[in-house]
Structure formats: structure tokens, C-alpha cells
Protein backbone atom coordinates (compact mmCIF):
# COMPACT_ATOMS: atom_id res chain seq x y z
CA MET A 1 -32.64 50.93 165.85
CA SER A 2 -33.59 51.05 162.22
CA ALA A 3 -30.85 53.60 161.67
CA LEU A 4 -28.31 51.20 163.09
CA GLN A 5 -29.35 48.27 160.95
CA PRO A 6 -27.63 49.36 157.72
CA ALA A 7 -24.36 49.92 159.59
CA ALA A 8 -24.57 46.47 161.15
CA SER A 9 -25.34 44.83 157.86
CA GLY A 10 -22.46 46.78 156.26
CA ALA A 11 -20.06 45.59 158.96
CA ALA A 12 -21.26 42.05 158.42
CA ALA A 13 -20.69 42.44 154.70
CA GLN A 14 -17.16 43.66 155.34
CA SER A 15 -16.39 40.64 157.53
CA VAL A 16 -17.41 38.13 154.84
CA PRO A 17 -14.38 38.38 152.52
CA GLU A 18 -11.89 36.91 155.03
CA PRO A 19 -13.22 33.32 154.99
CA VAL A 20 -14.03 33.69 151.32
CA VAL A 21 -10.45 34.69 150.55
CA GLY A 22 -9.18 31.84 152.72
CA GLU A 23 -11.40 29.34 150.92
CA ARG A 24 -10.28 30.66 147.55
CA ALA A 25 -6.60 30.42 148.54
CA GLN A 26 -7.18 26.87 149.80
CA ARG A 27 -8.94 25.93 146.58
CA SER A 28 -6.10 27.51 144.60
CA ARG A 29 -3.51 25.50 146.53
CA SER A 30 -5.54 22.33 146.10
CA SER A 31 -5.81 23.03 142.38
CA GLU A 32 -2.05 23.58 142.13
CA GLN A 33 -1.34 20.35 144.01
CA ALA A 34 -3.74 18.47 141.75
CA GLY A 35 -2.02 19.96 138.72
CA VAL A 36 1.42 18.90 139.95
CA SER A 37 0.12 15.42 140.74
CA ALA A 38 -1.46 15.09 137.30
CA TYR A 39 1.74 16.31 135.66
CA ALA A 40 3.78 13.75 137.62
CA ARG A 41 1.43 10.98 136.52
CA ARG A 42 1.71 12.01 132.90
CA LEU A 43 5.49 12.24 133.20
CA VAL A 44 5.91 8.61 134.33
CA LYS A 45 3.07 7.00 132.42
CA THR A 46 5.30 5.14 129.92
CA PRO A 47 8.11 2.63 130.57
CA LEU A 48 10.51 4.76 128.52
CA ALA A 49 9.80 7.77 130.72
CA ARG A 50 10.47 5.73 133.85
CA PHE A 51 13.69 4.44 132.30
CA ALA A 52 14.71 8.02 131.51
CA LEU A 53 14.05 9.18 135.07
CA ALA A 54 16.00 6.20 136.43
CA SER A 55 18.96 6.88 134.12
CA VAL A 56 19.10 10.59 134.89
CA GLY A 57 18.58 9.93 138.59
CA ALA A 58 21.45 7.43 138.61
CA LEU A 59 23.69 9.94 136.83
CA VAL A 60 22.86 12.64 139.38
CA LEU A 61 23.50 10.28 142.29
CA MET A 62 26.83 9.23 140.79
CA ALA A 63 27.85 12.86 140.40
CA VAL A 64 26.73 13.99 143.84
CA LEU A 65 27.90 10.91 145.78
CA ALA A 66 31.05 10.15 143.80
CA ASP A 67 33.24 10.49 146.92
CA VAL A 68 31.07 7.92 148.70
CA LEU A 69 30.37 5.47 145.86
CA ALA A 70 33.83 5.31 144.28
CA PRO A 71 35.92 2.47 145.78
CA TYR A 72 39.32 3.97 144.86
CA ASP A 73 41.13 7.22 144.15
CA PRO A 74 40.32 8.21 140.55
CA ILE A 75 43.83 9.50 139.72
CA LYS A 76 46.08 7.30 141.84
CA GLN A 77 48.21 5.04 139.65
CA ASN A 78 49.26 1.45 140.37
CA LEU A 79 51.35 0.14 137.48
CA ASN A 80 51.57 -3.29 139.11
CA ARG A 81 47.86 -3.77 138.40
CA SER A 82 47.58 -2.20 134.97
CA LEU A 83 45.08 -3.62 132.45
CA GLU A 84 43.57 -6.10 134.87
CA ALA A 85 40.35 -7.71 133.69
CA PRO A 86 37.14 -7.15 135.69
CA SER A 87 37.31 -8.96 139.01
CA ALA A 88 36.00 -8.78 142.57
CA ASP A 89 38.60 -6.13 143.44
CA HIS A 90 37.98 -4.05 140.30
CA LEU A 91 34.47 -4.65 139.00
CA LEU A 92 35.18 -2.97 135.65
CA GLY A 93 38.91 -3.71 135.54
CA THR A 94 41.81 -1.27 135.49
CA ASP A 95 43.27 0.96 132.80
CA GLU A 96 46.79 1.20 131.40
CA LEU A 97 48.00 3.03 134.52
CA GLY A 98 46.36 0.69 136.99
CA ARG A 99 43.52 3.06 137.90
CA ASP A 100 40.13 1.58 138.71
CA VAL A 101 37.80 1.98 135.71
CA LEU A 102 34.61 1.99 137.78
CA THR A 103 35.92 4.80 139.96
CA ARG A 104 36.84 6.90 136.95
CA VAL A 105 33.46 6.28 135.34
CA ILE A 106 31.72 7.48 138.51
CA TYR A 107 33.83 10.63 138.74
CA GLY A 108 33.41 11.15 135.00
CA ALA A 109 29.66 11.46 135.60
CA ARG A 110 30.35 14.47 137.83
CA VAL A 111 32.30 16.24 135.08
CA SER A 112 29.75 15.44 132.38
CA LEU A 113 26.77 16.57 134.45
CA GLN A 114 28.53 19.73 135.59
CA VAL A 115 29.49 20.70 132.05
CA GLY A 116 26.08 19.78 130.66
CA VAL A 117 24.00 21.67 133.22
CA LEU A 118 26.16 24.80 133.44
CA ALA A 119 26.70 25.09 129.70
CA VAL A 120 23.01 24.63 128.93
CA GLY A 121 22.09 27.04 131.74
CA PHE A 122 24.29 29.71 130.17
CA ALA A 123 22.83 29.05 126.71
CA LEU A 124 19.28 29.09 128.10
CA LEU A 125 19.65 32.42 129.89
CA LEU A 126 21.41 34.27 127.08
CA GLY A 127 19.41 32.65 124.27
CA THR A 128 16.09 33.28 126.00
CA LEU A 129 16.96 36.94 126.62
CA LEU A 130 17.98 37.50 123.00
CA GLY A 131 14.97 35.59 121.68
CA LEU A 132 12.54 37.57 123.84
CA LEU A 133 13.93 40.91 122.68
CA ALA A 134 14.06 39.90 119.01
CA GLY A 135 10.59 38.35 119.05
CA TYR A 136 8.96 41.23 120.91
CA LEU A 137 10.41 43.75 118.44
CA PRO A 138 10.15 41.93 115.09
CA GLY A 139 11.62 43.77 112.15
CA SER A 140 13.57 46.18 114.33
CA PRO A 141 17.34 46.73 113.94
CA LEU A 142 17.84 44.75 117.16
CA ASP A 143 15.92 41.82 115.70
CA HIS A 144 17.98 41.86 112.49
CA VAL A 145 21.32 42.10 114.30
CA VAL A 146 20.51 39.36 116.82
CA MET A 147 19.14 36.89 114.30
CA ARG A 148 21.93 37.43 111.77
CA CYS A 149 24.46 36.73 114.54
CA MET A 150 22.52 33.58 115.44
CA ASP A 151 22.47 32.51 111.79
CA ALA A 152 26.23 33.00 111.59
CA LEU A 153 26.75 30.76 114.62
CA LEU A 154 24.41 28.12 113.22
CA ALA A 155 26.38 28.06 109.97
CA PHE A 156 29.14 26.13 111.77
CA PRO A 157 28.75 22.54 112.93
CA ALA A 158 28.44 22.44 116.72
CA VAL A 159 31.59 20.40 117.34
CA VAL A 160 33.68 22.46 114.90
CA LEU A 161 32.57 25.73 116.52
CA ALA A 162 33.23 24.37 120.01
CA LEU A 163 36.68 23.21 118.90
CA ALA A 164 37.46 26.62 117.44
CA ILE A 165 36.41 28.42 120.64
CA THR A 166 38.39 26.10 122.92
CA ALA A 167 41.42 26.35 120.63
CA LEU A 168 41.17 30.14 120.87
CA LEU A 169 40.63 30.28 124.63
CA GLY A 170 42.70 27.26 125.63
CA ALA A 171 41.89 23.66 126.57
CA ASP A 172 40.24 23.87 130.00
CA VAL A 173 37.02 22.70 131.61
CA ARG A 174 35.73 26.28 132.05
CA ASN A 175 36.52 27.14 128.45
CA ALA A 176 34.85 23.92 127.32
CA MET A 177 31.68 24.87 129.21
CA LEU A 178 31.77 28.37 127.70
CA ALA A 179 32.26 26.97 124.20
CA ILE A 180 29.40 24.48 124.56
CA GLY A 181 27.18 27.23 125.98
CA ILE A 182 27.91 29.58 123.06
CA VAL A 183 27.11 26.79 120.62
CA GLY A 184 23.69 26.36 122.24
CA VAL A 185 22.71 30.06 122.37
CA PRO A 186 21.31 30.31 118.81
CA ILE A 187 19.17 27.20 119.32
CA PHE A 188 17.40 28.78 122.29
CA ALA A 189 17.23 32.22 120.67
CA ARG A 190 15.51 30.97 117.54
CA LEU A 191 13.04 28.82 119.48
CA VAL A 192 12.13 31.62 121.88
CA ARG A 193 11.77 34.18 119.10
CA GLY A 194 9.37 31.91 117.23
CA GLN A 195 7.32 31.29 120.38
CA VAL A 196 7.17 35.01 121.19
CA LEU A 197 6.02 35.85 117.67
CA ALA A 198 3.15 33.39 118.10
CA VAL A 199 2.13 34.65 121.56
CA ARG A 200 2.57 38.43 121.27
CA ARG A 201 -0.51 38.86 119.05
CA LEU A 202 -2.88 36.83 121.21
CA ASP A 203 -5.85 38.59 122.77
CA PHE A 204 -4.63 38.64 126.38
CA VAL A 205 -1.32 40.24 125.33
CA GLU A 206 -3.14 42.84 123.23
CA ALA A 207 -5.46 43.54 126.18
CA ALA A 208 -2.51 44.10 128.50
CA ARG A 209 -0.95 46.44 125.95
CA GLU A 210 -4.20 48.40 125.58
CA ILE A 211 -4.59 49.02 129.31
CA GLY A 212 -1.10 50.51 129.42
CA ALA A 213 1.00 47.65 130.81
CA SER A 214 4.71 48.26 130.43
CA HIS A 215 6.80 46.27 127.97
CA ARG A 216 8.64 44.64 130.85
CA ARG A 217 5.40 43.51 132.49
CA ILE A 218 4.02 42.17 129.22
CA ILE A 219 7.17 40.15 128.56
CA LEU A 220 7.62 38.81 132.09
CA ARG A 221 3.99 38.30 133.15
CA HIS A 222 2.19 37.45 129.92
CA ILE A 223 4.62 36.17 127.28
CA LEU A 224 7.37 34.34 129.18
CA PRO A 225 5.07 32.05 131.25
CA ASN A 226 3.40 30.88 128.04
CA ILE A 227 6.64 29.83 126.34
CA VAL A 228 8.53 28.38 129.31
CA SER A 229 7.36 24.80 128.68
CA ALA A 230 8.98 24.73 125.24
CA VAL A 231 12.20 26.13 126.72
CA ILE A 232 12.23 23.45 129.44
CA VAL A 233 11.84 20.68 126.86
CA LEU A 234 14.64 22.08 124.72
CA ALA A 235 16.92 22.46 127.76
CA SER A 236 16.51 18.81 128.73
CA LEU A 237 17.37 17.75 125.19
CA ARG A 238 20.32 20.12 124.97
CA ILE A 239 21.89 18.70 128.14
CA ALA A 240 22.31 15.40 126.30
CA GLN A 241 23.92 17.22 123.38
CA ALA A 242 26.20 19.17 125.72
CA ILE A 243 27.40 15.96 127.41
CA LEU A 244 28.14 14.48 124.01
CA VAL A 245 30.04 17.56 122.81
CA GLU A 246 32.07 17.64 126.04
CA ALA A 247 33.04 14.01 125.55
CA THR A 248 34.04 14.79 121.96
CA LEU A 249 36.20 17.73 123.01
CA SER A 250 37.88 15.66 125.72
CA PHE A 251 38.37 12.77 123.30
CA LEU A 252 40.19 15.14 120.95
CA GLY A 253 42.27 16.63 123.77
CA MET A 254 40.55 20.04 123.70
CA GLY A 255 38.27 19.69 126.70
CA VAL A 256 38.91 18.55 130.25
CA GLN A 257 42.58 17.77 130.69
CA PRO A 258 44.19 14.71 132.38
CA PRO A 259 44.37 13.47 135.05
CA THR A 260 40.79 14.63 135.68
CA PRO A 261 38.58 11.62 134.85
CA THR A 262 36.09 12.18 132.07
CA TRP A 263 34.39 9.79 129.71
CA GLY A 264 35.89 11.37 126.61
CA ILE A 265 39.46 10.99 127.90
CA MET A 266 38.77 7.38 128.91
CA LEU A 267 37.46 6.60 125.44
CA SER A 268 40.52 8.21 123.88
CA ASN A 269 42.90 6.21 126.07
CA GLY A 270 41.00 2.99 125.55
CA ARG A 271 40.84 3.04 121.77
CA ALA A 272 44.56 2.14 121.44
CA ILE A 273 44.11 -0.97 123.58
CA LEU A 274 40.61 -1.89 122.52
CA GLN A 275 41.51 -5.42 121.45
CA MET A 276 43.79 -6.06 124.44
CA ALA A 277 41.56 -4.52 127.16
CA PRO A 278 38.11 -3.67 125.76
CA TRP A 279 36.67 -2.85 129.20
CA VAL A 280 38.74 0.36 129.36
CA ALA A 281 36.68 1.90 126.53
CA LEU A 282 33.43 -0.05 126.82
CA ALA A 283 32.63 1.13 130.37
CA PRO A 284 32.78 4.90 129.68
CA GLY A 285 31.15 4.35 126.30
CA ALA A 286 28.21 2.58 127.92
CA ALA A 287 27.91 5.31 130.57
CA LEU A 288 27.92 8.01 127.89
CA PHE A 289 25.31 6.14 125.86
CA LEU A 290 22.97 5.71 128.85
CA ALA A 291 23.36 9.34 129.94
CA VAL A 292 22.62 10.77 126.51
CA LEU A 293 19.74 8.34 125.95
CA GLY A 294 18.30 9.13 129.37
CA PHE A 295 18.23 12.88 128.83
CA ASN A 296 16.79 12.50 125.33
CA LEU A 297 14.00 10.26 126.59
CA LEU A 298 13.41 12.60 129.52
CA GLY A 299 13.00 15.50 127.11
CA ASP A 300 10.41 13.52 125.15
CA ALA A 301 8.57 12.62 128.36
CA ILE A 302 8.51 16.25 129.55
CA ARG A 303 7.24 17.36 126.14
CA ASP A 304 4.42 14.81 126.26
CA ALA A 305 3.52 15.77 129.84
CA LEU A 306 3.40 19.50 129.07
CA ASP A 307 1.61 19.22 125.72
CA PRO A 308 -2.12 19.90 126.36
CA ARG A 309 -3.05 18.09 123.14
CA LEU A 310 -1.82 14.81 124.65
CA ARG A 311 -3.76 15.11 127.91
CA VAL A 312 -6.64 12.76 128.50
């Protein structure tokens, strides 16, 4: 019997890890849920943050549910009702072609959000990739080539560079998104490179390098997770800038083309009749202002929520 005792105790020892692992996984999930809950509380702790979430949420709902919310066809003309003042039939009035202003503002939100998100997504992916490579290999020929190209792009004002690209490629919504995305690439590349330079010499990265971790693993598992918060904050701020640049391009006739409703086109059409029918320009102008302000405030709120120095 004594000879069997060690085997029994060994089997018992082997059976212990299952509940232990389960408890650890449960504690890990509970910790993650608590972290998400704490982050959500920090995100909405100020009135400005709640206003930002409400503004961005309203913009998203307008874009997604435009077909349901809009009372009229956004491009159908009715010259018999042109330049009507706001009324029960047309809450924000009509434009010079008799189209409902409220409907066009709602559909304009779809264009602005689409351009903003896709353009910034393109800039984020390409800029982050270039910044990671340049920052991980500082002083290398790749670093010099990438950063000099980024400096050349930054030498041009954003709107001027976007205008030049759309003039070269042609005035179209896809070309406008590409132009706005290219304008944003150097912003992300420079930020990511600076963050990588700060993280790559930390002890845990050096330890991973010493035990033989591959460059890919070091970048994806150790460096990238520690810089993603800064990239998220910049992306939220750049969406506001992308919406503004898109409106500028459309205002100048180099972005989205008529009859597609967009806030920039509505502002351009309304400026000639501003004294006669101010609602034609004021409605899209107010929508553009609230959208840009909402994304800017949301970026500030995300920064405050992710910054460990501001946690209490």
C-alpha cells in the first residue's frame, strides 16, 4: 500500500490544475470586464464627453438610417417649391431646386462619415506600418527613405495636397477618399515612429530580444499593443479633419460631385443665396460644425480615458 501512495498523490496533484486554470480564466475574464467597465466610466465622466458621444452617435444613426429618417428623395427636384422657408412640410426649408434641405443634410452625413472613416482607416494602416518599420530600424536606409517621404508630404498644406491629388486623379468620391488618406499617412507614420522609438528600448522588449524572439513577434506582441492607444486617439481626431477636408474639396468642386448630397456642395450652393435663403447654407454648416466638434471632443475623451496618469 505504501508503494501505491506516491502514485495516488501524484494523480491527485495532476488533477488539481483543471479547477485552478478555470478559476484563473474566470478571474481574468472578471478583470477584463472590470477594466472595460472602468474605461467606460472614465470615457463618459464629463459633460463634454457625453456631448461628444451623443453627437457622434447621432451622426452614425443619420448615416446608417438615412433611408428611414429622410422624409423625401435627396435628389428629386421640385421647382415649384424652390427656396421655401422652413415649415411643417420642410422642417429646414428647400434649396434652389426645391429639394428638401433636411433630407440632403441627413444623406450628407452618410457621405461625410464614409469618407472620414475609410480615408482615416487607409491612413492608419499605411502610416502605422511605415512608422513601425522606421521606428524599429532607426538610422537604417529604410528609416531615412520613409521619413524623408513623410517630410515631403508634410511640407504641403493638407487641403492643397488633397486638391492636387484629386486634380491629378479626377474629381470623384473614391479619389477624394484616397487623397484625404494620403494626406493623413505622414501624421500616423511620425506618431508611430516616435512611440516605437520610446518603447523598443524598454526592459520587456530587450528581454524578448535576448531570448530569441523574432522581429515580427517583438513588433506585434510587445511593441504594437503598447502604442495602440495613441493611434486610436489620433484616429478619432483625424476623422474630424477628414470630414472637414472632404467638405472643402466638395465646396471647391473637387470632391463628391452633384447630385450626390454632401455638406460641402450644399454650402457652395447656399453661399450665393445666403441673404435670400440663409437656411440652405446654415443647416449643412451647423451639421458640419457639430460633427467636427463631436469627433474632436471624442478624441479628447478617449485620450483622457486611456491616459494612466489621469486615472483615479
